[in-house]
Amino acid sequence: MSTQNKPQGMDEVVRNIRVEMARHDLTQAQLAERLGISQVAVSKRLRGVVPISVAELLRVAELLNVSAADLLRDAA
């Protein structure tokens, strides 16, 4: 996905996910395992190559013990 086609606010969502991953000392590989997807799939989502679905965002929030609103913060 090119930068031009990236949904508005996605950079902030990814930043918030990365912050929470770091706070929980969680690697992409560990997050991928918990999500039941490959590390490459997680990497593509965090780089904006593949959009993060609502269902994935909700699951990530659950795994990181935060609300979806926390991950969406500053994305508007």
C-alpha atoms as a PDB file:
ATOM      1  CA  MET A   1       0.000   0.000   0.000  1.00  0.00           C
ATOM      2  CA  SER A   2       1.515   3.308  -0.963  1.00  0.00           C
ATOM      3  CA  THR A   3       1.572   6.233   1.411  1.00  0.00           C
ATOM      4  CA  GLN A   4      -1.043   7.947  -0.757  1.00  0.00           C
ATOM      5  CA  ASN A   5      -3.526   5.098  -0.227  1.00  0.00           C
ATOM      6  CA  LYS A   6      -2.866   4.643   3.501  1.00  0.00           C
ATOM      7  CA  PRO A   7      -5.980   5.363   5.564  1.00  0.00           C
ATOM      8  CA  GLN A   8      -5.839   8.652   7.438  1.00  0.00           C
ATOM      9  CA  GLY A   9      -4.586   8.172  10.968  1.00  0.00           C
ATOM     10  CA  MET A  10      -2.964   4.791  10.328  1.00  0.00           C
ATOM     11  CA  ASP A  11       0.499   6.092  11.245  1.00  0.00           C
ATOM     12  CA  GLU A  12      -0.799   7.078  14.683  1.00  0.00           C
ATOM     13  CA  VAL A  13      -2.514   3.712  15.188  1.00  0.00           C
ATOM     14  CA  VAL A  14       0.677   1.860  14.283  1.00  0.00           C
ATOM     15  CA  ARG A  15       2.701   4.134  16.561  1.00  0.00           C
ATOM     16  CA  ASN A  16       0.300   3.404  19.435  1.00  0.00           C
ATOM     17  CA  ILE A  17       0.533  -0.344  18.791  1.00  0.00           C
ATOM     18  CA  ARG A  18       4.332  -0.168  18.745  1.00  0.00           C
ATOM     19  CA  VAL A  19       4.370   1.827  22.006  1.00  0.00           C
ATOM     20  CA  GLU A  20       2.159  -0.754  23.708  1.00  0.00           C
ATOM     21  CA  MET A  21       4.225  -3.631  22.289  1.00  0.00           C
ATOM     22  CA  ALA A  22       7.349  -2.029  23.752  1.00  0.00           C
ATOM     23  CA  ARG A  23       5.618  -1.409  27.075  1.00  0.00           C
ATOM     24  CA  HIS A  24       4.766  -5.115  27.217  1.00  0.00           C
ATOM     25  CA  ASP A  25       8.198  -6.128  25.877  1.00  0.00           C
ATOM     26  CA  LEU A  26       6.427  -7.922  23.024  1.00  0.00           C
ATOM     27  CA  THR A  27       8.133  -8.647  19.699  1.00  0.00           C
ATOM     28  CA  GLN A  28       6.428  -8.823  16.321  1.00  0.00           C
ATOM     29  CA  ALA A  29       6.973 -12.586  16.358  1.00  0.00           C
ATOM     30  CA  GLN A  30       5.304 -12.917  19.763  1.00  0.00           C
ATOM     31  CA  LEU A  31       2.373 -10.739  18.722  1.00  0.00           C
ATOM     32  CA  ALA A  32       2.029 -12.752  15.528  1.00  0.00           C
ATOM     33  CA  GLU A  33       1.956 -16.026  17.441  1.00  0.00           C
ATOM     34  CA  ARG A  34      -0.766 -14.711  19.756  1.00  0.00           C
ATOM     35  CA  LEU A  35      -2.770 -13.424  16.798  1.00  0.00           C
ATOM     36  CA  GLY A  36      -2.365 -16.694  14.932  1.00  0.00           C
ATOM     37  CA  ILE A  37      -0.727 -15.043  11.923  1.00  0.00           C
ATOM     38  CA  SER A  38       2.838 -14.919  10.640  1.00  0.00           C
ATOM     39  CA  GLN A  39       5.448 -12.412  11.747  1.00  0.00           C
ATOM     40  CA  VAL A  40       5.585 -11.239   8.127  1.00  0.00           C
ATOM     41  CA  ALA A  41       1.835 -10.503   8.271  1.00  0.00           C
ATOM     42  CA  VAL A  42       2.311  -8.427  11.432  1.00  0.00           C
ATOM     43  CA  SER A  43       5.252  -6.606   9.851  1.00  0.00           C
ATOM     44  CA  LYS A  44       3.188  -5.751   6.764  1.00  0.00           C
ATOM     45  CA  ARG A  45       0.445  -4.300   8.937  1.00  0.00           C
ATOM     46  CA  LEU A  46       2.874  -2.268  11.028  1.00  0.00           C
ATOM     47  CA  ARG A  47       4.499  -0.909   7.857  1.00  0.00           C
ATOM     48  CA  GLY A  48       1.147  -0.017   6.304  1.00  0.00           C
ATOM     49  CA  VAL A  49       1.513  -2.459   3.413  1.00  0.00           C
ATOM     50  CA  VAL A  50      -1.657  -4.279   4.530  1.00  0.00           C
ATOM     51  CA  PRO A  51      -4.415  -2.432   6.393  1.00  0.00           C
ATOM     52  CA  ILE A  52      -5.269  -3.495   9.925  1.00  0.00           C
ATOM     53  CA  SER A  53      -8.850  -4.745  10.052  1.00  0.00           C
ATOM     54  CA  VAL A  54     -11.242  -3.738  12.806  1.00  0.00           C
ATOM     55  CA  ALA A  55     -11.261  -7.332  14.080  1.00  0.00           C
ATOM     56  CA  GLU A  56      -7.437  -7.367  14.184  1.00  0.00           C
ATOM     57  CA  LEU A  57      -7.338  -4.019  15.962  1.00  0.00           C
ATOM     58  CA  LEU A  58      -9.769  -5.288  18.596  1.00  0.00           C
ATOM     59  CA  ARG A  59      -7.731  -8.479  19.091  1.00  0.00           C
ATOM     60  CA  VAL A  60      -4.456  -6.532  19.330  1.00  0.00           C
ATOM     61  CA  ALA A  61      -6.024  -4.233  21.923  1.00  0.00           C
ATOM     62  CA  GLU A  62      -7.154  -7.254  23.916  1.00  0.00           C
ATOM     63  CA  LEU A  63      -3.717  -8.855  23.758  1.00  0.00           C
ATOM     64  CA  LEU A  64      -2.043  -5.618  24.829  1.00  0.00           C
ATOM     65  CA  ASN A  65      -4.591  -5.129  27.628  1.00  0.00           C
ATOM     66  CA  VAL A  66      -5.693  -1.716  26.334  1.00  0.00           C
ATOM     67  CA  SER A  67      -8.875  -0.469  24.722  1.00  0.00           C
ATOM     68  CA  ALA A  68      -9.267  -0.045  20.986  1.00  0.00           C
ATOM     69  CA  ALA A  69      -9.758   3.658  21.750  1.00  0.00           C
ATOM     70  CA  ASP A  70      -6.256   3.710  23.243  1.00  0.00           C
ATOM     71  CA  LEU A  71      -4.839   2.371  19.972  1.00  0.00           C
ATOM     72  CA  LEU A  72      -6.919   4.850  17.951  1.00  0.00           C
ATOM     73  CA  ARG A  73      -5.798   7.815  20.060  1.00  0.00           C
ATOM     74  CA  ASP A  74      -4.562  10.758  17.968  1.00  0.00           C
ATOM     75  CA  ALA A  75      -5.659   9.029  14.753  1.00  0.00           C
ATOM     76  CA  ALA A  76      -8.417  11.512  13.921  1.00  0.00           C
END
